[in-house]
Amino acid sequence: MKRWLLLVCWVGVVGGCGAPPVVMRVELPGMPDGWREWAVEWRLAWSGGEGGVVEGVRPGEVVEVVVDRGMVWVWVLEGVVRGWEGVVRPGGGVVLWGEGGEVAVSWEDGAACSLLYELQAGGFPLEEFNVRRFVEEVRVRVEDPWELDRERVRDAIIGRDISVYDIAGKEVFDVTLAFPPGIWRSGNPMRATEVLSGTCTVKLCSGIHHFLDEEAASLFCVYVDEKGRAQGFLSPLD
């Protein structure tokens, strides 16, 4: 079948009124090598039940979190740089009822899980969707998960008509960028080890891409349109 929907008839058994909370052991990924000099504040957010946030976590540590009982929990590890949100891409993880009380968050699953997090936090019933298979398919089918065509996938999930053919990356362009003076790195953890400076050609899909200098004191924001044309904007992070 094309659809990845699950009919769950026992939600009331595990998530009924007054059900006791669950303790989750969340393993966070280590800091990407290229980001080690950056002053990033981290927080762990989750959807499922009432959702929640734990501030002040650190990459590489294990966090125990008390969550509301439910069917699906989606986790995102979010970084804030000098008060700026969304400058670095998050890590992600998912755990289902019956899989135990442990979850490993990874940078590879950040794109898929951040999309699921947005859907669940917005009221979409993820317990009716095969989230595990979705996360695995994104990992296998898209070399850089942040090139995923999120709009196409989001529409397919909401329309309850998603297939593996919807899980595809956007077109990637060879974009020539003139970086400001200094050494720059991507806010995408999958590309954190790339060192960029001067005028160079970078493979980018359409959308917004963030690059930070060595001390994360400045942000070079690049917008790429659907035809591969790019514009860059420099902004101090203070």
Protein backbone atom coordinates (compact mmCIF):
# COMPACT_ATOMS: atom_id res chain seq x y z
CA MET A 1 0.00 0.00 0.00
CA LYS A 2 1.06 3.55 -0.61
CA ARG A 3 -0.15 4.92 2.68
CA TRP A 4 1.80 4.65 5.90
CA LEU A 5 -1.11 5.05 8.29
CA LEU A 6 -1.55 2.96 11.39
CA LEU A 7 -4.89 2.26 13.00
CA VAL A 8 -4.30 2.49 16.72
CA CYS A 9 -7.21 1.11 18.72
CA TRP A 10 -5.57 1.02 22.13
CA VAL A 11 -4.64 4.63 22.78
CA GLY A 12 -6.89 4.77 25.81
CA VAL A 13 -5.07 1.84 27.39
CA VAL A 14 -1.69 3.61 27.50
CA GLY A 15 -2.64 7.26 27.58
CA GLY A 16 -5.80 7.44 29.61
CA CYS A 17 -6.71 10.13 32.09
CA GLY A 18 -4.55 10.01 35.19
CA ALA A 19 -1.91 7.71 33.67
CA PRO A 20 1.46 8.04 35.45
CA PRO A 21 4.30 9.88 33.67
CA VAL A 22 7.21 8.13 31.97
CA VAL A 23 10.93 8.67 32.59
CA MET A 24 12.88 8.91 29.33
CA ARG A 25 16.64 8.53 29.08
CA VAL A 26 17.75 10.76 26.19
CA GLU A 27 21.25 10.36 24.73
CA LEU A 28 22.43 13.53 22.98
CA PRO A 29 24.92 13.54 20.09
CA GLY A 30 28.37 15.03 20.49
CA MET A 31 29.16 18.51 19.23
CA PRO A 32 30.07 18.51 15.52
CA ASP A 33 33.82 19.08 15.14
CA GLY A 34 33.45 22.31 13.21
CA TRP A 35 31.27 23.88 15.88
CA ARG A 36 33.47 23.30 18.92
CA GLU A 37 34.66 26.90 19.14
CA TRP A 38 31.18 28.35 19.00
CA ALA A 39 29.36 29.52 22.12
CA VAL A 40 26.06 27.70 21.63
CA GLU A 41 23.37 27.33 24.27
CA TRP A 42 21.42 24.11 23.90
CA ARG A 43 17.92 23.03 24.83
CA LEU A 44 16.07 19.76 24.42
CA ALA A 45 12.44 20.07 23.33
CA TRP A 46 9.89 17.34 22.79
CA SER A 47 6.35 16.91 21.53
CA GLY A 48 3.95 14.23 22.67
CA GLY A 49 1.65 14.59 25.63
CA GLU A 50 1.93 18.18 26.79
CA GLY A 51 5.44 18.49 25.34
CA GLY A 52 8.18 20.44 27.09
CA VAL A 53 11.68 21.90 27.07
CA VAL A 54 14.83 21.31 29.13
CA GLU A 55 17.24 24.25 29.00
CA GLY A 56 21.00 24.12 29.48
CA VAL A 57 21.71 20.63 28.15
CA ARG A 58 25.03 19.85 26.47
CA PRO A 59 25.84 17.74 23.41
CA GLY A 60 27.24 14.34 24.33
CA GLU A 61 25.46 14.01 27.67
CA VAL A 62 22.58 11.79 28.75
CA VAL A 63 19.48 13.52 30.09
CA GLU A 64 16.63 11.96 32.03
CA VAL A 65 13.29 13.63 31.37
CA VAL A 66 9.87 12.98 32.87
CA VAL A 67 7.23 13.07 30.12
CA ASP A 68 3.50 12.55 29.91
CA ARG A 69 2.46 9.06 28.92
CA GLY A 70 1.54 8.79 25.26
CA MET A 71 2.14 6.96 21.97
CA VAL A 72 4.81 8.97 20.15
CA TRP A 73 7.47 11.37 21.44
CA VAL A 74 9.57 13.44 19.06
CA TRP A 75 12.76 15.10 20.33
CA VAL A 76 14.77 18.01 18.92
CA LEU A 77 18.09 19.35 20.20
CA GLU A 78 18.07 23.07 19.42
CA GLY A 79 21.01 25.46 19.51
CA VAL A 80 20.84 29.19 20.26
CA VAL A 81 23.83 31.31 19.20
CA ARG A 82 24.15 34.68 20.97
CA GLY A 83 20.38 34.78 21.36
CA TRP A 84 19.70 33.82 17.73
CA GLU A 85 17.46 30.80 17.15
CA GLY A 86 17.51 28.71 13.99
CA VAL A 87 21.08 29.61 13.05
CA VAL A 88 22.27 26.03 13.56
CA ARG A 89 20.20 23.04 12.48
CA PRO A 90 18.88 20.78 15.25
CA GLY A 91 19.43 17.13 16.02
CA GLY A 92 16.45 14.83 16.42
CA GLY A 93 15.11 11.51 17.63
CA VAL A 94 11.84 9.66 18.02
CA VAL A 95 10.59 6.94 20.35
CA LEU A 96 7.31 5.06 20.27
CA TRP A 97 5.31 3.47 23.04
CA GLY A 98 6.62 -0.04 23.59
CA GLU A 99 10.19 0.71 22.44
CA GLY A 100 11.43 1.29 25.99
CA GLY A 101 12.39 4.41 27.86
CA GLU A 102 15.51 5.32 25.89
CA VAL A 103 16.08 7.41 22.78
CA ALA A 104 19.24 8.42 20.92
CA VAL A 105 19.12 11.86 19.35
CA SER A 106 21.29 12.23 16.23
CA TRP A 107 22.27 14.99 13.83
CA GLU A 108 21.31 12.76 10.89
CA ASP A 109 17.67 12.59 12.04
CA GLY A 110 17.32 16.29 12.81
CA ALA A 111 15.58 17.23 9.56
CA ALA A 112 12.98 14.45 9.71
CA CYS A 113 12.31 14.85 13.43
CA SER A 114 12.05 18.63 13.35
CA LEU A 115 9.33 18.26 10.72
CA LEU A 116 7.51 15.64 12.80
CA TYR A 117 7.88 17.86 15.88
CA GLU A 118 6.23 20.77 14.07
CA LEU A 119 3.38 18.54 12.89
CA GLN A 120 2.74 16.98 16.30
CA ALA A 121 3.02 20.28 18.17
CA GLY A 122 0.50 21.66 15.68
CA GLY A 123 -2.00 18.93 16.47
CA PHE A 124 -1.36 16.30 13.79
CA PRO A 125 -1.95 12.78 15.23
CA LEU A 126 1.44 11.12 14.71
CA GLU A 127 0.13 7.94 16.34
CA GLU A 128 -1.71 7.39 13.05
CA PHE A 129 1.48 7.68 11.00
CA ASN A 130 4.45 5.34 10.61
CA VAL A 131 7.00 7.76 12.06
CA ARG A 132 9.71 5.15 12.47
CA ARG A 133 9.68 4.21 8.81
CA PHE A 134 9.58 7.86 7.77
CA VAL A 135 12.70 8.72 9.76
CA GLU A 136 14.52 5.69 8.39
CA GLU A 137 13.53 6.44 4.78
CA VAL A 138 14.77 10.04 5.02
CA ARG A 139 18.08 8.78 6.39
CA VAL A 140 18.48 6.34 3.50
CA ARG A 141 17.06 8.31 0.59
CA VAL A 142 18.45 11.83 1.10
CA GLU A 143 22.23 12.17 1.36
CA ASP A 144 21.96 15.49 3.20
CA PRO A 145 18.64 15.34 5.11
CA TRP A 146 18.45 19.15 5.16
CA GLU A 147 17.98 19.07 1.38
CA LEU A 148 14.68 17.23 1.91
CA ASP A 149 11.73 18.83 0.14
CA ARG A 150 9.95 19.58 3.40
CA GLU A 151 6.94 21.30 1.85
CA ARG A 152 6.20 18.33 -0.39
CA VAL A 153 6.62 15.87 2.46
CA ARG A 154 4.56 17.96 4.90
CA ASP A 155 1.67 18.18 2.43
CA ALA A 156 1.80 14.43 1.76
CA ILE A 157 1.76 13.57 5.47
CA ILE A 158 -1.10 15.95 6.26
CA GLY A 159 -3.00 14.60 3.25
CA ARG A 160 -2.39 11.06 4.55
CA ASP A 161 -1.10 10.02 1.15
CA ILE A 162 2.68 9.79 1.48
CA SER A 163 4.91 7.30 -0.30
CA VAL A 164 8.64 6.75 -0.54
CA TYR A 165 8.60 8.73 -3.79
CA ASP A 166 7.67 11.85 -1.83
CA ILE A 167 10.85 11.54 0.21
CA ALA A 168 13.31 13.25 -2.08
CA GLY A 169 15.83 16.03 -1.95
CA LYS A 170 15.38 19.33 -3.71
CA GLU A 171 17.49 20.23 -6.72
CA VAL A 172 21.05 21.14 -5.74
CA PHE A 173 22.88 23.98 -7.48
CA ASP A 174 26.54 24.94 -7.79
CA VAL A 175 26.38 28.35 -6.14
CA THR A 176 29.36 30.72 -6.27
CA LEU A 177 29.59 32.78 -3.08
CA ALA A 178 31.91 35.61 -2.09
CA PHE A 179 32.30 35.10 1.64
CA PRO A 180 33.25 38.05 3.86
CA PRO A 181 36.83 38.02 5.22
CA GLY A 182 37.53 35.18 7.63
CA ILE A 183 36.87 31.46 7.95
CA TRP A 184 33.24 30.31 7.72
CA ARG A 185 31.39 27.11 8.52
CA SER A 186 27.88 25.93 7.80
CA GLY A 187 25.13 25.86 10.43
CA ASN A 188 24.17 22.48 8.95
CA PRO A 189 25.74 19.75 11.14
CA MET A 190 26.06 17.48 8.13
CA ARG A 191 28.49 20.01 6.63
CA ALA A 192 30.10 21.36 9.79
CA THR A 193 33.62 20.27 8.84
CA GLU A 194 33.66 22.23 5.57
CA VAL A 195 35.94 25.28 5.74
CA LEU A 196 34.84 28.16 3.52
CA SER A 197 36.59 31.44 2.71
CA GLY A 198 36.97 33.93 -0.10
CA THR A 199 35.11 33.18 -3.32
CA CYS A 200 34.15 29.54 -3.68
CA THR A 201 31.49 27.30 -5.17
CA VAL A 202 29.15 25.55 -2.74
CA LYS A 203 26.45 23.00 -3.51
CA LEU A 204 23.17 24.34 -2.11
CA CYS A 205 19.47 23.66 -2.61
CA SER A 206 16.83 26.38 -2.66
CA GLY A 207 16.08 27.97 0.70
CA ILE A 208 17.97 29.78 3.44
CA HIS A 209 21.45 28.70 4.49
CA HIS A 210 23.43 29.98 7.48
CA PHE A 211 27.20 30.27 7.79
CA LEU A 212 29.05 31.46 10.90
CA ASP A 213 32.59 32.72 11.34
CA GLU A 214 35.16 31.03 13.60
CA GLU A 215 33.98 32.76 16.77
CA ALA A 216 30.28 32.71 15.84
CA ALA A 217 30.33 36.50 16.06
CA SER A 218 28.90 37.07 12.58
CA LEU A 219 26.27 35.38 10.44
CA PHE A 220 26.39 35.15 6.65
CA CYS A 221 22.87 34.29 5.52
CA VAL A 222 22.44 33.03 1.96
CA TYR A 223 19.10 32.78 0.18
CA VAL A 224 18.92 30.54 -2.90
CA ASP A 225 15.85 30.74 -5.13
CA GLU A 226 14.24 27.95 -7.17
CA LYS A 227 16.53 28.71 -10.13
CA GLY A 228 19.74 28.60 -8.11
CA ARG A 229 20.27 32.35 -7.89
CA ALA A 230 21.77 33.38 -4.57
CA GLN A 231 21.91 36.47 -2.38
CA GLY A 232 24.05 36.83 0.73
CA PHE A 233 23.53 39.04 3.76
CA LEU A 234 26.05 39.69 6.54
CA SER A 235 24.85 40.35 10.07
CA PRO A 236 26.62 40.59 13.45
CA LEU A 237 25.38 38.15 16.08
CA ASP A 238 24.95 40.49 19.02
